[in-house]
PDB file of N, CA and C in Angstrom:
ATOM      1  N   MET A   1       0.844  -1.187   0.000  1.00  0.00           N
ATOM      2  CA  MET A   1       0.000   0.000   0.000  1.00  0.00           C
ATOM      3  C   MET A   1       0.884   1.244   0.000  1.00  0.00           C
ATOM      4  N   TRP A   2       0.395   2.318  -0.581  1.00  0.00           N
ATOM      5  CA  TRP A   2       1.208   3.522  -0.713  1.00  0.00           C
ATOM      6  C   TRP A   2       1.547   4.147   0.634  1.00  0.00           C
ATOM      7  N   LEU A   3       0.662   4.085   1.621  1.00  0.00           N
ATOM      8  CA  LEU A   3       0.955   4.660   2.935  1.00  0.00           C
ATOM      9  C   LEU A   3       2.128   3.932   3.586  1.00  0.00           C
ATOM     10  N   GLU A   4       2.165   2.625   3.427  1.00  0.00           N
ATOM     11  CA  GLU A   4       3.284   1.851   3.969  1.00  0.00           C
ATOM     12  C   GLU A   4       4.604   2.284   3.341  1.00  0.00           C
ATOM     13  N   LYS A   5       4.575   2.596   2.052  1.00  0.00           N
ATOM     14  CA  LYS A   5       5.787   3.052   1.371  1.00  0.00           C
ATOM     15  C   LYS A   5       6.220   4.421   1.894  1.00  0.00           C
ATOM     16  N   ILE A   6       5.261   5.286   2.179  1.00  0.00           N
ATOM     17  CA  ILE A   6       5.592   6.602   2.735  1.00  0.00           C
ATOM     18  C   ILE A   6       6.193   6.442   4.132  1.00  0.00           C
ATOM     19  N   ILE A   7       5.616   5.555   4.917  1.00  0.00           N
ATOM     20  CA  ILE A   7       6.136   5.296   6.268  1.00  0.00           C
ATOM     21  C   ILE A   7       7.551   4.737   6.183  1.00  0.00           C
ATOM     22  N   GLU A   8       7.783   3.830   5.261  1.00  0.00           N
ATOM     23  CA  GLU A   8       9.124   3.255   5.084  1.00  0.00           C
ATOM     24  C   GLU A   8      10.120   4.328   4.647  1.00  0.00           C
ATOM     25  N   LEU A   9       9.715   5.208   3.742  1.00  0.00           N
ATOM     26  CA  LEU A   9      10.585   6.303   3.313  1.00  0.00           C
ATOM     27  C   LEU A   9      10.923   7.208   4.492  1.00  0.00           C
ATOM     28  N   LYS A  10       9.955   7.465   5.339  1.00  0.00           N
ATOM     29  CA  LYS A  10      10.172   8.285   6.536  1.00  0.00           C
ATOM     30  C   LYS A  10      11.209   7.634   7.450  1.00  0.00           C
ATOM     31  N   LYS A  11      11.098   6.328   7.637  1.00  0.00           N
ATOM     32  CA  LYS A  11      12.068   5.596   8.466  1.00  0.00           C
ATOM     33  C   LYS A  11      13.455   5.628   7.842  1.00  0.00           C
ATOM     34  N   GLN A  12      13.525   5.378   6.546  1.00  0.00           N
ATOM     35  CA  GLN A  12      14.803   5.333   5.846  1.00  0.00           C
ATOM     36  C   GLN A  12      15.535   6.670   5.886  1.00  0.00           C
ATOM     37  N   THR A  13      14.777   7.743   5.779  1.00  0.00           N
ATOM     38  CA  THR A  13      15.394   9.067   5.723  1.00  0.00           C
ATOM     39  C   THR A  13      15.570   9.692   7.095  1.00  0.00           C
ATOM     40  N   GLY A  14      14.915   9.126   8.101  1.00  0.00           N
ATOM     41  CA  GLY A  14      15.013   9.694   9.443  1.00  0.00           C
ATOM     42  C   GLY A  14      14.280  11.020   9.581  1.00  0.00           C
ATOM     43  N   THR A  15      13.343  11.283   8.685  1.00  0.00           N
ATOM     44  CA  THR A  15      12.574  12.520   8.721  1.00  0.00           C
ATOM     45  C   THR A  15      11.601  12.470   9.894  1.00  0.00           C
ATOM     46  N   THR A  16      11.536  13.550  10.635  1.00  0.00           N
ATOM     47  CA  THR A  16      10.648  13.585  11.791  1.00  0.00           C
ATOM     48  C   THR A  16       9.277  14.149  11.411  1.00  0.00           C
ATOM     49  N   THR A  17       8.307  13.772  12.202  1.00  0.00           N
ATOM     50  CA  THR A  17       6.960  14.298  12.022  1.00  0.00           C
ATOM     51  C   THR A  17       6.963  15.807  12.230  1.00  0.00           C
ATOM     52  N   LYS A  18       7.749  16.268  13.180  1.00  0.00           N
ATOM     53  CA  LYS A  18       7.846  17.705  13.449  1.00  0.00           C
ATOM     54  C   LYS A  18       8.386  18.462  12.240  1.00  0.00           C
ATOM     55  N   TYR A  19       9.416  17.919  11.599  1.00  0.00           N
ATOM     56  CA  TYR A  19       9.994  18.542  10.408  1.00  0.00           C
ATOM     57  C   TYR A  19       8.934  18.687   9.315  1.00  0.00           C
ATOM     58  N   ILE A  20       8.206  17.610   9.078  1.00  0.00           N
ATOM     59  CA  ILE A  20       7.163  17.639   8.043  1.00  0.00           C
ATOM     60  C   ILE A  20       6.086  18.650   8.406  1.00  0.00           C
ATOM     61  N   ALA A  21       5.622  18.609   9.645  1.00  0.00           N
ATOM     62  CA  ALA A  21       4.571  19.532  10.092  1.00  0.00           C
ATOM     63  C   ALA A  21       5.017  20.980   9.961  1.00  0.00           C
ATOM     64  N   ASP A  22       6.229  21.273  10.399  1.00  0.00           N
ATOM     65  CA  ASP A  22       6.746  22.647  10.326  1.00  0.00           C
ATOM     66  C   ASP A  22       6.793  23.150   8.891  1.00  0.00           C
ATOM     67  N   HIS A  23       7.233  22.305   7.968  1.00  0.00           N
ATOM     68  CA  HIS A  23       7.361  22.728   6.575  1.00  0.00           C
ATOM     69  C   HIS A  23       6.031  22.774   5.831  1.00  0.00           C
ATOM     70  N   MET A  24       5.036  22.061   6.338  1.00  0.00           N
ATOM     71  CA  MET A  24       3.724  22.075   5.700  1.00  0.00           C
ATOM     72  C   MET A  24       2.783  23.097   6.333  1.00  0.00           C
ATOM     73  N   GLY A  25       3.161  23.638   7.486  1.00  0.00           N
ATOM     74  CA  GLY A  25       2.270  24.552   8.186  1.00  0.00           C
ATOM     75  C   GLY A  25       1.099  23.822   8.822  1.00  0.00           C
ATOM     76  N   ARG A  26       1.314  22.571   9.186  1.00  0.00           N
ATOM     77  CA  ARG A  26       0.293  21.754   9.832  1.00  0.00           C
ATOM     78  C   ARG A  26       0.748  21.441  11.245  1.00  0.00           C
ATOM     79  N   SER A  27      -0.192  21.015  12.075  1.00  0.00           N
ATOM     80  CA  SER A  27       0.197  20.621  13.425  1.00  0.00           C
ATOM     81  C   SER A  27       0.880  19.248  13.356  1.00  0.00           C
ATOM     82  N   GLU A  28       1.772  19.028  14.312  1.00  0.00           N
ATOM     83  CA  GLU A  28       2.449  17.747  14.379  1.00  0.00           C
ATOM     84  C   GLU A  28       1.442  16.620  14.607  1.00  0.00           C
ATOM     85  N   ARG A  29       0.416  16.906  15.381  1.00  0.00           N
ATOM     86  CA  ARG A  29      -0.630  15.906  15.654  1.00  0.00           C
ATOM     87  C   ARG A  29      -1.339  15.483  14.364  1.00  0.00           C
ATOM     88  N   THR A  30      -1.647  16.446  13.508  1.00  0.00           N
ATOM     89  CA  THR A  30      -2.324  16.144  12.250  1.00  0.00           C
ATOM     90  C   THR A  30      -1.448  15.265  11.364  1.00  0.00           C
ATOM     91  N   VAL A  31      -0.173  15.599  11.285  1.00  0.00           N
ATOM     92  CA  VAL A  31       0.746  14.804  10.468  1.00  0.00           C
ATOM     93  C   VAL A  31       0.904  13.408  11.067  1.00  0.00           C
ATOM     94  N   ARG A  32       0.982  13.319  12.374  1.00  0.00           N
ATOM     95  CA  ARG A  32       1.081  12.016  13.039  1.00  0.00           C
ATOM     96  C   ARG A  32      -0.156  11.170  12.736  1.00  0.00           C
ATOM     97  N   ARG A  33      -1.322  11.805  12.751  1.00  0.00           N
ATOM     98  CA  ARG A  33      -2.570  11.090  12.443  1.00  0.00           C
ATOM     99  C   ARG A  33      -2.563  10.570  11.003  1.00  0.00           C
ATOM    100  N   PHE A  34      -1.976  11.341  10.086  1.00  0.00           N
ATOM    101  CA  PHE A  34      -1.841  10.885   8.702  1.00  0.00           C
ATOM    102  C   PHE A  34      -1.004   9.612   8.644  1.00  0.00           C
ATOM    103  N   PHE A  35       0.153   9.629   9.311  1.00  0.00           N
ATOM    104  CA  PHE A  35       1.039   8.467   9.286  1.00  0.00           C
ATOM    105  C   PHE A  35       0.443   7.262  10.007  1.00  0.00           C
ATOM    106  N   ASN A  36      -0.470   7.499  10.921  1.00  0.00           N
ATOM    107  CA  ASN A  36      -1.157   6.407  11.612  1.00  0.00           C
ATOM    108  C   ASN A  36      -2.386   5.921  10.845  1.00  0.00           C
ATOM    109  N   GLY A  37      -2.688   6.556   9.712  1.00  0.00           N
ATOM    110  CA  GLY A  37      -3.838   6.163   8.906  1.00  0.00           C
ATOM    111  C   GLY A  37      -5.166   6.621   9.477  1.00  0.00           C
ATOM    112  N   GLU A  38      -5.117   7.612  10.371  1.00  0.00           N
ATOM    113  CA  GLU A  38      -6.338   8.092  11.026  1.00  0.00           C
ATOM    114  C   GLU A  38      -6.998   9.244  10.277  1.00  0.00           C
ATOM    115  N   THR A  39      -6.296   9.846   9.344  1.00  0.00           N
ATOM    116  CA  THR A  39      -6.845  10.940   8.554  1.00  0.00           C
ATOM    117  C   THR A  39      -6.232  10.889   7.168  1.00  0.00           C
ATOM    118  N   ASP A  40      -6.928  11.409   6.197  1.00  0.00           N
ATOM    119  CA  ASP A  40      -6.441  11.426   4.822  1.00  0.00           C
ATOM    120  C   ASP A  40      -5.968  12.817   4.448  1.00  0.00           C
ATOM    121  N   PHE A  41      -4.959  12.862   3.602  1.00  0.00           N
ATOM    122  CA  PHE A  41      -4.505  14.110   3.005  1.00  0.00           C
ATOM    123  C   PHE A  41      -4.773  14.007   1.511  1.00  0.00           C
ATOM    124  N   GLY A  42      -4.930  15.149   0.877  1.00  0.00           N
ATOM    125  CA  GLY A  42      -5.090  15.177  -0.574  1.00  0.00           C
ATOM    126  C   GLY A  42      -3.776  14.838  -1.261  1.00  0.00           C
ATOM    127  N   ILE A  43      -3.851  14.592  -2.542  1.00  0.00           N
ATOM    128  CA  ILE A  43      -2.666  14.197  -3.309  1.00  0.00           C
ATOM    129  C   ILE A  43      -1.583  15.262  -3.271  1.00  0.00           C
ATOM    130  N   ASP A  44      -1.954  16.541  -3.240  1.00  0.00           N
ATOM    131  CA  ASP A  44      -0.948  17.601  -3.183  1.00  0.00           C
ATOM    132  C   ASP A  44      -0.176  17.550  -1.870  1.00  0.00           C
ATOM    133  N   ASP A  45      -0.878  17.271  -0.767  1.00  0.00           N
ATOM    134  CA  ASP A  45      -0.212  17.150   0.530  1.00  0.00           C
ATOM    135  C   ASP A  45       0.668  15.911   0.585  1.00  0.00           C
ATOM    136  N   VAL A  46       0.189  14.815   0.026  1.00  0.00           N
ATOM    137  CA  VAL A  46       0.991  13.584  -0.008  1.00  0.00           C
ATOM    138  C   VAL A  46       2.260  13.831  -0.817  1.00  0.00           C
ATOM    139  N   ARG A  47       2.104  14.493  -1.939  1.00  0.00           N
ATOM    140  CA  ARG A  47       3.266  14.820  -2.782  1.00  0.00           C
ATOM    141  C   ARG A  47       4.253  15.673  -2.006  1.00  0.00           C
ATOM    142  N   GLU A  48       3.771  16.672  -1.297  1.00  0.00           N
ATOM    143  CA  GLU A  48       4.646  17.542  -0.523  1.00  0.00           C
ATOM    144  C   GLU A  48       5.405  16.756   0.554  1.00  0.00           C
ATOM    145  N   ILE A  49       4.710  15.860   1.233  1.00  0.00           N
ATOM    146  CA  ILE A  49       5.354  15.036   2.261  1.00  0.00           C
ATOM    147  C   ILE A  49       6.474  14.198   1.647  1.00  0.00           C
ATOM    148  N   VAL A  50       6.170  13.555   0.536  1.00  0.00           N
ATOM    149  CA  VAL A  50       7.167  12.701  -0.116  1.00  0.00           C
ATOM    150  C   VAL A  50       8.363  13.534  -0.584  1.00  0.00           C
ATOM    151  N   LEU A  51       8.103  14.699  -1.148  1.00  0.00           N
ATOM    152  CA  LEU A  51       9.192  15.569  -1.599  1.00  0.00           C
ATOM    153  C   LEU A  51      10.050  16.050  -0.426  1.00  0.00           C
ATOM    154  N   LEU A  52       9.420  16.348   0.705  1.00  0.00           N
ATOM    155  CA  LEU A  52      10.172  16.768   1.885  1.00  0.00           C
ATOM    156  C   LEU A  52      11.134  15.681   2.354  1.00  0.00           C
ATOM    157  N   MET A  53      10.802  14.433   2.054  1.00  0.00           N
ATOM    158  CA  MET A  53      11.656  13.315   2.451  1.00  0.00           C
ATOM    159  C   MET A  53      12.612  12.899   1.334  1.00  0.00           C
ATOM    160  N   GLY A  54      12.622  13.662   0.241  1.00  0.00           N
ATOM    161  CA  GLY A  54      13.559  13.396  -0.851  1.00  0.00           C
ATOM    162  C   GLY A  54      13.079  12.366  -1.856  1.00  0.00           C
ATOM    163  N   GLY A  55      11.797  12.034  -1.832  1.00  0.00           N
ATOM    164  CA  GLY A  55      11.254  11.057  -2.762  1.00  0.00           C
ATOM    165  C   GLY A  55      10.387  11.705  -3.816  1.00  0.00           C
ATOM    166  N   SER A  56       9.680  10.866  -4.547  1.00  0.00           N
ATOM    167  CA  SER A  56       8.732  11.352  -5.547  1.00  0.00           C
ATOM    168  C   SER A  56       7.495  10.467  -5.504  1.00  0.00           C
ATOM    169  N   LEU A  57       6.416  10.940  -6.087  1.00  0.00           N
ATOM    170  CA  LEU A  57       5.199  10.134  -6.134  1.00  0.00           C
ATOM    171  C   LEU A  57       5.428   8.837  -6.896  1.00  0.00           C
ATOM    172  N   ASP A  58       6.315   8.852  -7.878  1.00  0.00           N
ATOM    173  CA  ASP A  58       6.622   7.625  -8.611  1.00  0.00           C
ATOM    174  C   ASP A  58       7.156   6.552  -7.669  1.00  0.00           C
ATOM    175  N   ASP A  59       7.980   6.961  -6.699  1.00  0.00           N
ATOM    176  CA  ASP A  59       8.525   6.007  -5.733  1.00  0.00           C
ATOM    177  C   ASP A  59       7.415   5.353  -4.923  1.00  0.00           C
ATOM    178  N   ILE A  60       6.410   6.130  -4.591  1.00  0.00           N
ATOM    179  CA  ILE A  60       5.333   5.662  -3.726  1.00  0.00           C
ATOM    180  C   ILE A  60       4.292   4.856  -4.493  1.00  0.00           C
ATOM    181  N   LEU A  61       3.957   5.293  -5.679  1.00  0.00           N
ATOM    182  CA  LEU A  61       2.877   4.664  -6.431  1.00  0.00           C
ATOM    183  C   LEU A  61       3.338   3.496  -7.291  1.00  0.00           C
ATOM    184  N   GLU A  62       4.644   3.405  -7.557  1.00  0.00           N
ATOM    185  CA  GLU A  62       5.175   2.324  -8.369  1.00  0.00           C
ATOM    186  C   GLU A  62       4.880   0.980  -7.708  1.00  0.00           C
ATOM    187  N   GLU A  63       4.326   0.084  -8.478  1.00  0.00           N
ATOM    188  CA  GLU A  63       4.011  -1.270  -8.015  1.00  0.00           C
ATOM    189  C   GLU A  63       3.104  -1.283  -6.790  1.00  0.00           C
ATOM    190  N   SER A  64       2.262  -0.287  -6.636  1.00  0.00           N
ATOM    191  CA  SER A  64       1.346  -0.276  -5.497  1.00  0.00           C
ATOM    192  C   SER A  64      -0.035  -0.708  -5.958  1.00  0.00           C
ATOM    193  N   ASP A  65      -0.927  -0.815  -5.008  1.00  0.00           N
ATOM    194  CA  ASP A  65      -2.294  -1.188  -5.336  1.00  0.00           C
ATOM    195  C   ASP A  65      -3.141   0.035  -5.673  1.00  0.00           C
ATOM    196  N   PHE A  66      -2.504   1.200  -5.755  1.00  0.00           N
ATOM    197  CA  PHE A  66      -3.215   2.430  -6.072  1.00  0.00           C
ATOM    198  C   PHE A  66      -3.618   2.411  -7.534  1.00  0.00           C
ATOM    199  N   LYS A  67      -4.858   2.668  -7.791  1.00  0.00           N
ATOM    200  CA  LYS A  67      -5.365   2.753  -9.160  1.00  0.00           C
ATOM    201  C   LYS A  67      -6.151   4.045  -9.304  1.00  0.00           C
ATOM    202  N   MET A  68      -5.895   4.746 -10.403  1.00  0.00           N
ATOM    203  CA  MET A  68      -6.653   5.961 -10.673  1.00  0.00           C
ATOM    204  C   MET A  68      -8.067   5.552 -11.029  1.00  0.00           C
ATOM    205  N   PRO A  69      -9.050   6.252 -10.467  1.00  0.00           N
ATOM    206  CA  PRO A  69     -10.429   5.922 -10.821  1.00  0.00           C
ATOM    207  C   PRO A  69     -10.688   6.247 -12.286  1.00  0.00           C
ATOM    208  N   THR A  70     -11.431   5.388 -12.934  1.00  0.00           N
ATOM    209  CA  THR A  70     -11.786   5.644 -14.319  1.00  0.00           C
ATOM    210  C   THR A  70     -13.247   6.050 -14.363  1.00  0.00           C
ATOM    211  N   PRO A  71     -13.528   7.139 -15.051  1.00  0.00           N
ATOM    212  CA  PRO A  71     -14.919   7.597 -15.101  1.00  0.00           C
ATOM    213  C   PRO A  71     -15.780   6.613 -15.892  1.00  0.00           C
ATOM    214  N   GLU A  72     -17.001   6.469 -15.411  1.00  0.00           N
ATOM    215  CA  GLU A  72     -17.940   5.611 -16.117  1.00  0.00           C
ATOM    216  C   GLU A  72     -18.437   6.348 -17.353  1.00  0.00           C
ATOM    217  N   VAL A  73     -18.458   5.641 -18.426  1.00  0.00           N
ATOM    218  CA  VAL A  73     -18.899   6.232 -19.697  1.00  0.00           C
ATOM    219  C   VAL A  73     -20.325   5.756 -19.970  1.00  0.00           C
ATOM    220  N   GLU A  74     -21.190   6.733 -20.237  1.00  0.00           N
ATOM    221  CA  GLU A  74     -22.579   6.375 -20.548  1.00  0.00           C
ATOM    222  C   GLU A  74     -22.651   5.832 -21.955  1.00  0.00           C
ATOM    223  N   ALA A  75     -23.393   4.746 -22.112  1.00  0.00           N
ATOM    224  CA  ALA A  75     -23.515   4.116 -23.435  1.00  0.00           C
ATOM    225  C   ALA A  75     -24.559   4.805 -24.267  1.00  0.00           C
TER     226      ALA A  75
END
């Protein structure tokens, strides 16, 4: 899952929740809740978190179970 990859990147880089919160202008509690899977962030926030840790969305979404929704087409 993509969240697990973000958590692993955080561990690998030693990035702190405080660092991410400070740079995003969010509370540390909110960022901690994101990493615990208790709240969702939009794709722009996820991208910012990954970039702060030196990664890219490609790193997170590659080989993941994430699928872009496809719009239903009326026949």
